[in-house]
N, C-alpha and C. Protein backbone atom coordinates (compact mmCIF):
# COMPACT_ATOMS: atom_id res chain seq x y z
N MET A 1 5.11 2.46 -0.88
CA MET A 1 4.77 3.82 -0.64
C MET A 1 3.36 4.40 -1.58
N ASN A 2 3.84 5.62 -0.88
CA ASN A 2 2.03 6.04 -1.38
C ASN A 2 2.01 7.68 -1.16
N LEU A 3 1.75 8.70 -2.27
CA LEU A 3 1.34 9.95 -2.76
C LEU A 3 0.21 10.33 -2.64
N PHE A 4 -0.13 11.04 -1.60
CA PHE A 4 -1.49 11.55 -1.64
C PHE A 4 -1.64 12.88 -2.19
N ARG A 5 -2.31 13.07 -3.02
CA ARG A 5 -2.70 14.50 -3.55
C ARG A 5 -3.36 14.97 -3.72
N LEU A 6 -4.10 16.08 -3.62
CA LEU A 6 -5.17 16.78 -3.46
C LEU A 6 -5.23 17.99 -4.36
N ASP A 7 -6.79 18.06 -4.97
CA ASP A 7 -6.40 19.57 -6.14
C ASP A 7 -7.87 20.24 -5.36
N ALA A 8 -7.74 21.82 -5.96
CA ALA A 8 -9.31 22.25 -5.29
C ALA A 8 -9.05 23.05 -6.33
N SER A 9 -8.73 22.89 -7.47
CA SER A 9 -9.55 24.18 -8.47
C SER A 9 -10.50 24.22 -9.24
N ILE A 10 -11.47 24.96 -9.48
CA ILE A 10 -12.55 25.09 -10.17
C ILE A 10 -12.40 25.06 -11.45
N PHE A 11 -11.14 24.97 -12.03
CA PHE A 11 -11.28 25.07 -13.64
C PHE A 11 -10.15 24.08 -13.46
N PRO A 12 -10.32 22.37 -13.54
CA PRO A 12 -9.75 21.63 -13.76
C PRO A 12 -8.65 21.48 -14.85
N THR A 13 -9.34 21.86 -16.04
CA THR A 13 -8.59 21.43 -17.22
C THR A 13 -7.28 22.49 -17.44
N THR A 14 -7.74 23.97 -16.85
CA THR A 14 -6.50 25.00 -17.13
C THR A 14 -6.33 25.64 -16.09
N SER A 15 -6.07 24.62 -14.97
CA SER A 15 -5.68 24.69 -13.67
C SER A 15 -4.12 25.25 -13.36
N ALA A 16 -3.62 26.69 -12.92
CA ALA A 16 -2.57 26.85 -12.61
C ALA A 16 -1.52 25.94 -11.67
N SER A 17 -2.81 25.68 -10.63
CA SER A 17 -1.92 24.99 -9.40
C SER A 17 -1.73 23.20 -9.70
N ALA A 18 -2.58 22.99 -10.64
CA ALA A 18 -2.61 21.38 -11.27
C ALA A 18 -1.55 21.21 -11.97
N GLU A 19 -1.15 22.40 -12.49
CA GLU A 19 0.37 22.07 -13.22
C GLU A 19 1.14 22.07 -12.84
N LEU A 20 1.39 22.58 -11.88
CA LEU A 20 2.39 23.13 -10.70
C LEU A 20 2.92 21.44 -9.84
N ALA A 21 1.53 20.96 -9.60
CA ALA A 21 1.51 19.71 -8.74
C ALA A 21 1.81 18.47 -9.51
N SER A 22 1.29 18.58 -10.83
CA SER A 22 1.64 17.51 -11.86
C SER A 22 3.40 17.25 -11.99
N LEU A 23 3.94 18.13 -11.51
CA LEU A 23 5.45 18.68 -11.74
C LEU A 23 6.20 18.10 -10.48
N VAL A 24 5.42 18.17 -9.63
CA VAL A 24 5.81 17.74 -8.29
C VAL A 24 5.54 15.91 -7.91
N GLU A 25 4.42 15.48 -8.68
CA GLU A 25 4.10 14.31 -8.77
C GLU A 25 5.04 13.56 -9.50
N ALA A 26 5.32 14.13 -10.95
CA ALA A 26 5.93 13.60 -11.86
C ALA A 26 7.54 12.81 -11.10
N GLU A 27 8.07 14.07 -10.70
CA GLU A 27 9.36 14.01 -10.17
C GLU A 27 9.55 12.75 -8.99
N TRP A 28 8.12 12.70 -8.15
CA TRP A 28 8.07 11.58 -7.01
C TRP A 28 7.79 10.04 -7.51
N THR A 29 6.90 10.51 -8.16
CA THR A 29 6.77 9.00 -9.17
C THR A 29 7.77 8.83 -9.80
N ALA A 30 8.48 9.55 -10.46
CA ALA A 30 10.16 9.30 -11.45
C ALA A 30 11.00 8.25 -10.34
N ALA A 31 11.08 8.51 -9.22
CA ALA A 31 11.69 8.19 -8.20
C ALA A 31 11.06 6.89 -7.14
N HIS A 32 10.17 6.62 -7.38
CA HIS A 32 9.23 5.51 -6.50
C HIS A 32 8.13 4.91 -7.85
N PRO A 33 8.87 4.31 -9.02
CA PRO A 33 7.79 3.79 -10.33
C PRO A 33 7.08 2.54 -9.68
N GLY A 34 6.01 2.80 -9.91
CA GLY A 34 5.23 1.68 -9.40
C GLY A 34 4.27 1.67 -7.80
N ALA A 35 4.71 3.05 -7.57
CA ALA A 35 4.03 3.22 -6.17
C ALA A 35 2.60 3.90 -6.35
N THR A 36 1.92 4.27 -5.75
CA THR A 36 0.63 4.70 -5.21
C THR A 36 0.52 5.89 -5.32
N VAL A 37 -0.43 6.56 -6.26
CA VAL A 37 -0.63 7.88 -5.72
C VAL A 37 -2.39 7.65 -5.70
N THR A 38 -2.80 8.56 -4.45
CA THR A 38 -3.97 8.53 -4.02
C THR A 38 -4.78 10.42 -4.15
N ARG A 39 -5.55 10.14 -4.58
CA ARG A 39 -6.25 11.53 -5.66
C ARG A 39 -7.44 12.00 -4.93
N ARG A 40 -7.45 13.45 -4.39
CA ARG A 40 -8.98 13.97 -4.05
C ARG A 40 -9.05 14.87 -4.67
N HIS A 41 -10.24 15.28 -5.65
CA HIS A 41 -10.43 16.51 -5.96
C HIS A 41 -11.52 17.09 -5.33
N ILE A 42 -11.49 17.69 -4.92
CA ILE A 42 -12.48 18.23 -3.24
C ILE A 42 -13.32 19.91 -4.64
N ALA A 43 -12.97 19.91 -5.63
CA ALA A 43 -13.78 20.95 -6.55
C ALA A 43 -14.67 20.16 -7.49
N THR A 44 -14.07 19.18 -7.97
CA THR A 44 -14.52 18.52 -8.98
C THR A 44 -15.85 17.64 -8.01
N ASP A 45 -15.43 16.89 -7.02
CA ASP A 45 -16.26 16.27 -6.24
C ASP A 45 -15.98 16.61 -5.13
N PRO A 46 -16.86 17.75 -4.57
CA PRO A 46 -17.08 18.46 -3.09
C PRO A 46 -17.63 17.72 -1.94
N LEU A 47 -16.94 17.55 -1.09
CA LEU A 47 -17.58 17.39 0.13
C LEU A 47 -18.86 18.22 0.30
N PRO A 48 -19.71 17.24 1.16
CA PRO A 48 -21.16 18.10 1.78
C PRO A 48 -20.82 19.06 2.36
N SER A 49 -21.28 20.60 2.33
CA SER A 49 -21.20 21.48 3.16
C SER A 49 -21.79 21.14 4.38
N GLU A 50 -22.65 20.42 4.55
CA GLU A 50 -23.03 20.32 6.40
C GLU A 50 -22.22 19.15 6.75
N ALA A 51 -21.31 18.24 6.21
CA ALA A 51 -20.78 17.17 6.84
C ALA A 51 -19.88 17.62 8.45
N TRP A 52 -19.17 18.76 7.96
CA TRP A 52 -18.04 19.50 9.17
C TRP A 52 -19.05 19.38 10.38
N ALA A 53 -20.38 20.10 10.25
CA ALA A 53 -20.96 19.81 11.81
C ALA A 53 -21.56 18.73 11.93
N LEU A 54 -21.93 18.16 11.23
CA LEU A 54 -22.47 16.85 11.47
C LEU A 54 -21.17 16.15 12.26
N ALA A 55 -20.49 16.13 11.69
CA ALA A 55 -18.95 15.16 12.16
C ALA A 55 -18.55 15.58 13.43
N THR A 56 -18.84 16.57 13.80
CA THR A 56 -18.69 17.52 15.17
C THR A 56 -19.05 17.27 15.96
N THR A 57 -20.48 17.57 15.77
CA THR A 57 -21.57 17.24 16.83
C THR A 57 -21.77 15.59 16.94
N ALA A 58 -21.45 15.09 16.09
CA ALA A 58 -21.04 13.52 16.85
C ALA A 58 -20.27 12.91 17.40
N GLY A 59 -18.84 14.11 17.83
CA GLY A 59 -18.10 13.77 18.39
C GLY A 59 -18.20 13.96 20.00
N PHE A 60 -19.64 15.01 19.81
CA PHE A 60 -20.34 14.85 21.67
C PHE A 60 -21.44 13.93 21.60
N THR A 61 -21.36 13.42 20.84
CA THR A 61 -22.60 12.61 20.99
C THR A 61 -22.42 10.98 21.04
N PRO A 62 -23.09 10.60 22.33
CA PRO A 62 -22.56 8.76 22.28
C PRO A 62 -22.68 8.11 20.94
N GLU A 63 -22.21 7.21 20.59
CA GLU A 63 -22.11 6.45 19.35
C GLU A 63 -23.86 6.06 18.97
N ALA A 64 -24.69 5.67 19.90
CA ALA A 64 -25.57 4.63 19.90
C ALA A 64 -26.83 5.78 19.84
N ASP A 65 -26.35 7.15 19.60
CA ASP A 65 -27.16 8.36 20.16
C ASP A 65 -27.14 8.70 18.78
N ARG A 66 -26.26 8.27 17.85
CA ARG A 66 -25.89 9.30 16.67
C ARG A 66 -27.01 9.06 15.70
N SER A 67 -27.15 10.40 14.85
CA SER A 67 -28.24 10.20 13.75
C SER A 67 -27.53 9.34 12.93
N PRO A 68 -28.05 9.21 12.12
CA PRO A 68 -27.24 8.34 10.59
C PRO A 68 -26.80 9.00 9.93
N ALA A 69 -26.87 10.43 9.52
CA ALA A 69 -26.25 11.65 9.30
C ALA A 69 -24.92 11.67 9.82
N GLN A 70 -25.28 12.03 11.32
CA GLN A 70 -23.85 12.20 12.19
C GLN A 70 -22.81 10.85 11.76
N ARG A 71 -23.25 9.66 11.74
CA ARG A 71 -22.30 8.12 11.55
C ARG A 71 -21.46 8.62 9.78
N GLU A 72 -22.62 8.93 9.14
CA GLU A 72 -21.90 9.03 7.68
C GLU A 72 -21.10 10.50 7.70
N ALA A 73 -21.12 11.17 8.54
CA ALA A 73 -19.97 12.47 8.54
C ALA A 73 -19.29 12.20 8.96
N ALA A 74 -18.94 11.34 10.11
CA ALA A 74 -17.69 11.08 11.29
C ALA A 74 -17.31 9.90 10.30
N ALA A 75 -17.64 8.84 9.56
CA ALA A 75 -17.09 7.86 8.55
C ALA A 75 -16.48 8.70 7.56
N LEU A 76 -16.93 9.47 7.08
CA LEU A 76 -16.20 10.89 6.09
C LEU A 76 -14.95 11.30 6.30
N ALA A 77 -15.17 11.86 7.87
CA ALA A 77 -13.84 12.57 8.32
C ALA A 77 -12.51 11.93 8.91
N ALA A 78 -13.54 10.78 9.07
CA ALA A 78 -12.41 9.69 9.55
C ALA A 78 -11.57 9.09 8.47
N THR A 79 -12.08 9.19 6.69
CA THR A 79 -11.77 8.17 6.01
C THR A 79 -10.78 9.62 5.22
N LEU A 80 -11.12 10.90 5.15
CA LEU A 80 -9.73 12.23 5.20
C LEU A 80 -8.84 12.05 5.98
N VAL A 81 -8.95 11.58 6.98
CA VAL A 81 -7.70 11.51 7.83
C VAL A 81 -6.96 10.17 7.55
N GLU A 82 -7.50 9.14 7.14
CA GLU A 82 -6.57 8.00 7.18
C GLU A 82 -5.87 8.03 5.36
N GLU A 83 -6.38 8.82 4.80
CA GLU A 83 -5.90 9.50 3.50
C GLU A 83 -4.54 10.04 3.81
N LEU A 84 -4.36 10.60 4.81
CA LEU A 84 -3.40 11.83 4.96
C LEU A 84 -2.18 10.96 5.91
N ARG A 85 -2.99 9.83 6.77
CA ARG A 85 -2.09 9.36 8.02
C ARG A 85 -1.53 8.24 6.92
N ASP A 86 -2.31 7.68 5.62
CA ASP A 86 -1.47 6.22 4.99
C ASP A 86 -0.52 6.97 3.80
N ALA A 87 -0.34 8.10 3.73
CA ALA A 87 1.04 8.87 2.83
C ALA A 87 2.54 8.91 3.12
N ASP A 88 3.29 8.71 2.54
CA ASP A 88 4.45 8.76 2.83
C ASP A 88 4.86 10.18 2.77
N ALA A 89 3.98 10.70 1.32
CA ALA A 89 4.42 12.36 0.80
C ALA A 89 2.89 12.84 0.39
N VAL A 90 2.86 14.16 0.83
CA VAL A 90 1.40 14.68 0.19
C VAL A 90 1.77 16.04 -0.62
N VAL A 91 1.05 16.21 -1.71
CA VAL A 91 1.29 17.46 -2.08
C VAL A 91 -0.45 18.04 -2.04
N LEU A 92 -0.66 19.30 -1.95
CA LEU A 92 -1.97 19.76 -1.79
C LEU A 92 -1.61 21.05 -3.03
N ALA A 93 -2.73 21.11 -3.93
CA ALA A 93 -2.68 22.03 -4.76
C ALA A 93 -3.91 22.76 -4.55
N VAL A 94 -3.69 24.21 -4.04
CA VAL A 94 -5.00 25.03 -3.48
C VAL A 94 -4.95 26.76 -4.22
N PRO A 95 -5.43 26.74 -4.86
CA PRO A 95 -5.54 28.17 -5.64
C PRO A 95 -6.19 28.92 -4.81
N PHE A 96 -6.11 30.39 -4.56
CA PHE A 96 -6.51 31.41 -3.83
C PHE A 96 -7.69 32.11 -4.13
N TYR A 97 -8.81 32.27 -3.86
CA TYR A 97 -10.39 32.61 -4.41
C TYR A 97 -10.46 33.70 -3.51
N ASN A 98 -11.17 34.84 -4.10
CA ASN A 98 -11.87 35.88 -3.29
C ASN A 98 -11.07 36.61 -2.29
N PHE A 99 -9.70 36.81 -2.63
CA PHE A 99 -8.76 37.12 -1.31
C PHE A 99 -8.65 35.72 -0.05
N GLY A 100 -8.88 34.99 -0.28
CA GLY A 100 -8.98 33.59 0.92
C GLY A 100 -8.72 32.27 0.45
N VAL A 101 -9.45 32.19 1.44
CA VAL A 101 -9.42 30.26 1.20
C VAL A 101 -10.79 29.79 0.59
N SER A 102 -10.74 28.81 -0.48
CA SER A 102 -12.34 28.68 -1.28
C SER A 102 -12.61 27.67 0.08
N GLN A 103 -14.35 27.80 0.03
CA GLN A 103 -15.41 27.18 1.19
C GLN A 103 -14.69 25.63 0.91
N HIS A 104 -14.32 25.13 -0.38
CA HIS A 104 -14.42 23.59 -0.71
C HIS A 104 -13.33 23.22 0.31
N PHE A 105 -12.15 24.00 0.11
CA PHE A 105 -10.83 23.35 0.97
C PHE A 105 -11.04 23.69 2.14
N LYS A 106 -11.61 24.67 2.92
CA LYS A 106 -11.75 25.31 4.24
C LYS A 106 -12.96 23.92 4.78
N ALA A 107 -13.92 23.68 3.81
CA ALA A 107 -14.43 22.19 4.39
C ALA A 107 -13.75 21.15 4.58
N TRP A 108 -12.34 20.77 3.79
CA TRP A 108 -11.75 19.30 3.58
C TRP A 108 -10.80 19.63 4.79
N VAL A 109 -10.48 21.03 5.43
CA VAL A 109 -9.78 21.47 6.43
C VAL A 109 -10.48 20.94 8.26
N ASP A 110 -11.66 21.38 8.26
CA ASP A 110 -12.61 21.20 8.87
C ASP A 110 -12.57 19.88 9.06
N LEU A 111 -13.18 19.32 8.51
CA LEU A 111 -13.62 17.63 8.43
C LEU A 111 -11.98 16.89 8.92
N VAL A 112 -11.09 17.14 8.53
CA VAL A 112 -9.78 16.67 8.90
C VAL A 112 -9.49 16.74 10.65
N ILE A 113 -9.93 17.97 10.53
CA ILE A 113 -9.58 18.25 12.19
C ILE A 113 -11.19 17.67 12.85
N ALA A 114 -11.98 17.42 12.58
CA ALA A 114 -13.26 17.08 13.19
C ALA A 114 -12.78 15.62 13.14
N GLY A 115 -12.25 14.47 12.35
CA GLY A 115 -11.88 13.13 12.32
C GLY A 115 -10.75 13.18 13.36
N ALA A 116 -9.49 13.65 13.24
CA ALA A 116 -8.20 14.04 13.86
C ALA A 116 -8.48 14.30 14.98
N GLY A 117 -9.11 15.52 15.25
CA GLY A 117 -9.21 16.33 16.91
C GLY A 117 -8.26 17.61 16.22
N PRO A 118 -8.42 18.91 17.11
CA PRO A 118 -7.94 19.88 16.84
C PRO A 118 -6.62 20.29 17.16
N THR A 119 -6.01 19.52 17.71
CA THR A 119 -4.25 19.80 17.99
C THR A 119 -3.48 18.35 17.41
N ASP A 120 -4.28 17.30 16.64
CA ASP A 120 -3.18 16.22 16.63
C ASP A 120 -2.48 16.77 15.21
N PRO A 121 -1.24 16.30 15.15
CA PRO A 121 -0.19 16.75 14.10
C PRO A 121 -0.28 16.00 13.45
N VAL A 122 -1.32 15.60 12.49
CA VAL A 122 -1.69 14.23 11.36
C VAL A 122 -0.73 14.05 10.45
N LEU A 123 -0.05 15.27 10.21
CA LEU A 123 1.26 15.23 8.93
C LEU A 123 2.49 15.49 9.65
N LYS A 124 2.42 14.93 10.95
CA LYS A 124 4.18 15.36 11.66
C LYS A 124 5.33 14.86 11.06
N GLY A 125 5.95 15.63 10.68
CA GLY A 125 7.20 15.15 9.97
C GLY A 125 7.06 14.82 8.48
N LYS A 126 6.19 14.61 7.87
CA LYS A 126 5.99 14.19 6.96
C LYS A 126 6.18 15.18 5.59
N PRO A 127 7.15 14.93 4.41
CA PRO A 127 7.59 15.71 3.53
C PRO A 127 5.98 16.13 2.63
N THR A 128 5.67 17.52 2.55
CA THR A 128 4.62 18.11 2.32
C THR A 128 4.95 19.00 1.07
N ALA A 129 4.49 19.12 0.39
CA ALA A 129 4.47 20.60 -1.06
C ALA A 129 3.00 20.98 -1.00
N LEU A 130 2.94 22.47 -0.62
CA LEU A 130 1.72 23.06 -0.26
C LEU A 130 2.16 24.10 -2.18
N ILE A 131 0.98 23.97 -2.89
CA ILE A 131 1.11 24.52 -4.05
C ILE A 131 -0.12 26.00 -4.17
N THR A 132 0.20 26.94 -4.14
CA THR A 132 -0.61 27.91 -4.29
C THR A 132 -0.48 28.91 -5.21
N THR A 133 -1.64 29.37 -6.10
CA THR A 133 -1.82 30.10 -7.29
C THR A 133 -2.38 31.38 -7.24
N ILE A 134 -2.36 32.71 -7.22
CA ILE A 134 -2.99 33.35 -7.20
C ILE A 134 -2.95 34.22 -8.59
N GLY A 135 -4.22 34.78 -9.18
CA GLY A 135 -4.33 35.19 -10.29
C GLY A 135 -3.46 37.08 -10.04
N GLY A 136 -3.08 37.71 -9.34
CA GLY A 136 -2.71 38.83 -9.00
C GLY A 136 -1.84 38.97 -8.25
N GLY A 137 -1.62 40.36 -8.40
CA GLY A 137 0.25 39.97 -7.29
C GLY A 137 -0.19 41.07 -5.83
N TYR A 138 0.23 40.04 -4.51
CA TYR A 138 0.01 41.01 -3.34
C TYR A 138 1.49 40.68 -2.73
N GLY A 139 2.56 40.92 -3.48
CA GLY A 139 3.78 41.03 -2.48
C GLY A 139 3.92 42.32 -1.94
N PRO A 140 5.13 42.55 -1.53
CA PRO A 140 5.57 43.96 -0.84
C PRO A 140 5.63 44.94 -1.85
N GLY A 141 4.99 46.05 -1.54
CA GLY A 141 4.85 47.19 -2.71
C GLY A 141 3.87 47.30 -3.58
N THR A 142 3.20 46.25 -3.65
CA THR A 142 1.70 46.07 -4.83
C THR A 142 0.69 46.78 -4.20
N PRO A 143 -0.38 47.66 -4.81
CA PRO A 143 -1.27 48.23 -4.41
C PRO A 143 -2.44 47.05 -3.48
N ARG A 144 -2.31 45.88 -3.70
CA ARG A 144 -2.37 45.10 -2.97
C ARG A 144 -2.06 43.98 -1.30
N GLU A 145 -1.07 44.61 -1.30
CA GLU A 145 -0.36 44.14 -0.40
C GLU A 145 -0.68 43.67 0.99
N GLY A 146 -1.08 42.82 1.63
CA GLY A 146 -1.80 42.39 2.70
C GLY A 146 -3.21 41.69 2.32
N TRP A 147 -3.40 41.53 1.05
CA TRP A 147 -4.68 41.35 0.98
C TRP A 147 -4.82 39.41 0.82
N ASP A 148 -3.35 38.93 0.45
CA ASP A 148 -3.49 37.74 0.61
C ASP A 148 -4.29 37.38 2.20
N HIS A 149 -5.26 36.98 1.95
CA HIS A 149 -5.94 35.97 3.73
C HIS A 149 -5.57 34.76 3.47
N SER A 150 -4.94 34.35 2.44
CA SER A 150 -4.83 32.46 2.43
C SER A 150 -3.76 31.71 2.84
N THR A 151 -2.64 32.19 1.95
CA THR A 151 -1.24 31.60 2.25
C THR A 151 -1.03 31.56 3.91
N SER A 152 -0.79 32.57 4.73
CA SER A 152 -0.67 32.34 6.18
C SER A 152 -1.77 31.41 6.86
N TYR A 153 -2.87 31.19 6.13
CA TYR A 153 -4.12 30.51 6.85
C TYR A 153 -3.21 28.91 6.39
N LEU A 154 -3.05 28.63 5.39
CA LEU A 154 -2.57 27.21 4.87
C LEU A 154 -1.10 26.86 5.46
N GLU A 155 -0.39 27.58 5.55
CA GLU A 155 0.97 27.60 6.43
C GLU A 155 0.78 27.52 7.81
N ARG A 156 -0.26 28.25 8.73
CA ARG A 156 -0.55 27.94 10.02
C ARG A 156 -1.27 26.79 10.06
N ILE A 157 -2.39 26.06 9.48
CA ILE A 157 -2.76 24.61 9.36
C ILE A 157 -2.07 23.46 9.04
N ILE A 158 -1.21 23.63 8.03
CA ILE A 158 -0.30 22.80 7.39
C ILE A 158 0.72 21.99 8.19
N ARG A 159 1.81 23.52 8.60
CA ARG A 159 2.71 23.40 9.48
C ARG A 159 2.39 23.65 10.60
N ASP A 160 1.78 24.25 11.34
CA ASP A 160 1.94 24.57 12.88
C ASP A 160 1.28 23.42 13.36
N VAL A 161 -0.16 23.43 12.60
CA VAL A 161 -1.14 22.55 13.36
C VAL A 161 -0.92 21.40 13.50
N TRP A 162 -0.51 20.42 11.69
CA TRP A 162 -0.56 19.26 11.47
C TRP A 162 0.68 19.12 11.38
N GLN A 163 1.95 20.00 11.45
CA GLN A 163 3.32 19.23 11.62
C GLN A 163 3.96 18.92 10.06
N ALA A 164 3.76 19.25 9.19
CA ALA A 164 3.84 19.09 7.82
C ALA A 164 5.65 19.60 8.22
N ASP A 165 6.28 18.38 7.19
CA ASP A 165 7.58 18.89 7.14
C ASP A 165 7.13 19.73 5.48
N LEU A 166 7.41 21.21 5.72
CA LEU A 166 6.42 21.50 4.43
C LEU A 166 7.19 22.42 3.55
N THR A 167 6.94 22.61 2.24
CA THR A 167 7.38 23.16 1.31
C THR A 167 6.69 23.87 0.68
N LEU A 168 6.92 25.29 0.53
CA LEU A 168 5.75 26.34 -0.03
C LEU A 168 5.78 26.51 -1.80
N VAL A 169 5.62 25.93 -2.73
CA VAL A 169 5.42 27.12 -3.80
C VAL A 169 4.15 27.81 -4.21
N LYS A 170 4.64 28.96 -4.49
CA LYS A 170 3.73 29.95 -4.68
C LYS A 170 3.82 30.70 -6.09
N ARG A 171 2.93 30.81 -6.48
CA ARG A 171 2.72 31.54 -7.99
C ARG A 171 2.16 32.64 -8.33
N GLU A 172 2.49 33.69 -8.13
CA GLU A 172 1.43 34.82 -8.10
C GLU A 172 1.50 35.50 -9.93
N LEU A 173 0.61 36.26 -10.37
CA LEU A 173 -0.06 37.05 -11.57
C LEU A 173 -0.27 35.71 -12.45
N THR A 174 -1.29 34.94 -12.18
CA THR A 174 -1.36 33.76 -13.36
C THR A 174 -2.45 34.26 -14.09
N LEU A 175 -2.96 35.67 -13.70
CA LEU A 175 -4.43 36.08 -15.03
C LEU A 175 -3.43 37.01 -15.86
N ALA A 176 -2.46 37.20 -15.89
CA ALA A 176 -1.56 38.35 -16.64
C ALA A 176 -1.92 38.29 -17.97
N ALA A 177 -1.82 36.65 -18.54
CA ALA A 177 -2.02 36.46 -19.52
C ALA A 177 -3.00 36.57 -20.56
N THR A 178 -3.95 37.00 -19.79
CA THR A 178 -5.58 36.72 -20.07
C THR A 178 -6.58 37.60 -19.96
N THR A 179 -5.74 38.94 -19.00
CA THR A 179 -6.24 39.65 -18.25
C THR A 179 -5.89 41.49 -19.01
N PRO A 180 -6.70 42.34 -20.23
CA PRO A 180 -5.88 43.26 -20.96
C PRO A 180 -5.29 44.00 -19.74
N ALA A 181 -5.71 44.32 -18.70
CA ALA A 181 -5.40 45.55 -17.73
C ALA A 181 -4.15 44.92 -17.43
N MET A 182 -3.68 43.83 -17.25
CA MET A 182 -2.38 43.14 -16.57
C MET A 182 -1.17 42.94 -17.93
N GLU A 183 -1.68 43.63 -18.61
CA GLU A 183 -0.44 43.05 -20.09
C GLU A 183 0.87 43.90 -19.63
N GLN A 184 1.02 44.59 -19.24
CA GLN A 184 2.35 45.20 -18.89
C GLN A 184 3.11 44.77 -17.41
N LEU A 185 2.26 43.52 -16.96
CA LEU A 185 2.98 42.53 -16.14
C LEU A 185 3.52 41.08 -16.50
N ARG A 186 3.29 41.07 -17.71
CA ARG A 186 3.22 39.53 -18.83
C ARG A 186 4.57 39.30 -18.38
N ASP A 187 5.69 40.03 -18.77
CA ASP A 187 7.00 39.36 -18.73
C ASP A 187 7.27 39.35 -17.08
N LEU A 188 6.55 40.04 -16.31
CA LEU A 188 6.99 39.16 -14.45
C LEU A 188 6.28 38.28 -14.87
N ALA A 189 4.84 38.48 -15.08
CA ALA A 189 4.38 36.83 -14.60
C ALA A 189 4.78 35.49 -15.53
N ASP A 190 5.92 35.75 -16.79
CA ASP A 190 6.35 34.52 -17.05
C ASP A 190 7.88 34.25 -15.97
N GLN A 191 8.13 35.36 -16.07
CA GLN A 191 9.25 34.91 -14.70
C GLN A 191 8.61 34.15 -13.24
N HIS A 192 7.74 34.49 -13.36
CA HIS A 192 7.03 33.84 -11.96
C HIS A 192 6.54 32.38 -11.92
N HIS A 193 6.30 31.86 -13.51
CA HIS A 193 5.78 30.50 -13.85
C HIS A 193 7.14 30.09 -13.58
N THR A 194 7.80 30.66 -14.51
CA THR A 194 9.24 29.65 -14.55
C THR A 194 9.80 29.31 -13.10
N ALA A 195 10.03 30.37 -12.07
CA ALA A 195 10.61 30.20 -11.07
C ALA A 195 9.65 28.97 -10.56
N ALA A 196 8.01 29.11 -10.74
CA ALA A 196 7.09 28.34 -9.67
C ALA A 196 7.43 26.99 -10.39
N LYS A 197 7.80 26.99 -11.71
CA LYS A 197 7.85 25.61 -12.26
C LYS A 197 9.19 24.76 -11.76
N GLU A 198 9.89 25.38 -11.69
CA GLU A 198 11.41 25.26 -11.19
C GLU A 198 11.10 24.50 -9.43
N GLN A 199 10.43 25.41 -8.78
CA GLN A 199 10.47 25.16 -7.20
C GLN A 199 9.55 23.96 -7.22
N ALA A 200 8.63 23.75 -7.89
CA ALA A 200 7.84 22.26 -8.03
C ALA A 200 8.67 21.30 -7.84
N ARG A 201 9.76 21.25 -9.26
CA ARG A 201 10.40 20.00 -9.47
C ARG A 201 11.23 19.86 -8.23
N GLU A 202 11.97 20.89 -7.54
CA GLU A 202 12.56 20.76 -6.47
C GLU A 202 11.78 20.24 -5.73
N ALA A 203 10.71 20.40 -5.53
CA ALA A 203 9.73 20.00 -4.02
C ALA A 203 9.48 18.55 -4.29
N GLY A 204 9.79 18.37 -5.66
CA GLY A 204 8.96 16.72 -5.96
C GLY A 204 10.29 15.65 -5.70
N LEU A 205 11.29 16.45 -6.08
CA LEU A 205 12.50 15.82 -5.61
C LEU A 205 12.52 15.45 -4.26
N ALA A 206 12.85 16.86 -3.05
CA ALA A 206 12.62 16.77 -1.76
C ALA A 206 11.47 15.59 -1.45
N LEU A 207 10.31 15.38 -1.58
CA LEU A 207 9.18 14.81 -0.98
C LEU A 207 9.99 13.31 -1.76
N ALA A 208 10.49 12.94 -2.62
CA ALA A 208 11.28 11.66 -3.03
C ALA A 208 12.09 11.67 -2.18
N GLY A 209 12.68 12.33 -1.60
CA GLY A 209 13.79 12.13 -0.62
C GLY A 209 15.51 12.23 -1.51
N ASN A 210 15.22 12.95 -2.33
CA ASN A 210 16.38 13.37 -3.65
C ASN A 210 16.79 14.51 -3.28
């Protein structure tokens, strides 16, 4: 058994998304002691920014005519695809940055698509937990309702394009504890945190088949 875990926080030691992903992982590994956990942290070990264009153009270039950089990028894309194909379950910890998806996570998605093809259901039927964390509040009735341009994209790619059996765990208001202007939201933030931790544990059990 193999769990693939991807982290994307630029603050790995204090990451809210990593905390929840670790709860998912703990439940999965408890059910599968001794199993493999394959990890990739694309914030602390980012993918080359030019790799997507090189891997994509490599696909339109006869192999004998590819440049060394194209071959290297195509090999990287193939590796990323195989990490997903080889997994029995997947957990993706993806924070929300600047009202959308961070550039390093988008680079990973683009390289997987370059390696697998734009319509390949690379996670078809595979139990997958998507952890996403948001510093503020973007739900219905909030001043920034509609400003979350990340979650719908993540679900579109992971559930609809890659066809994963997806469980979403979403925590908002992660910055309330450290932001004076959000002090009045701290009780609500604590409720979000508690609920997200419980959802993460349930997601881990679901990934493990329990």
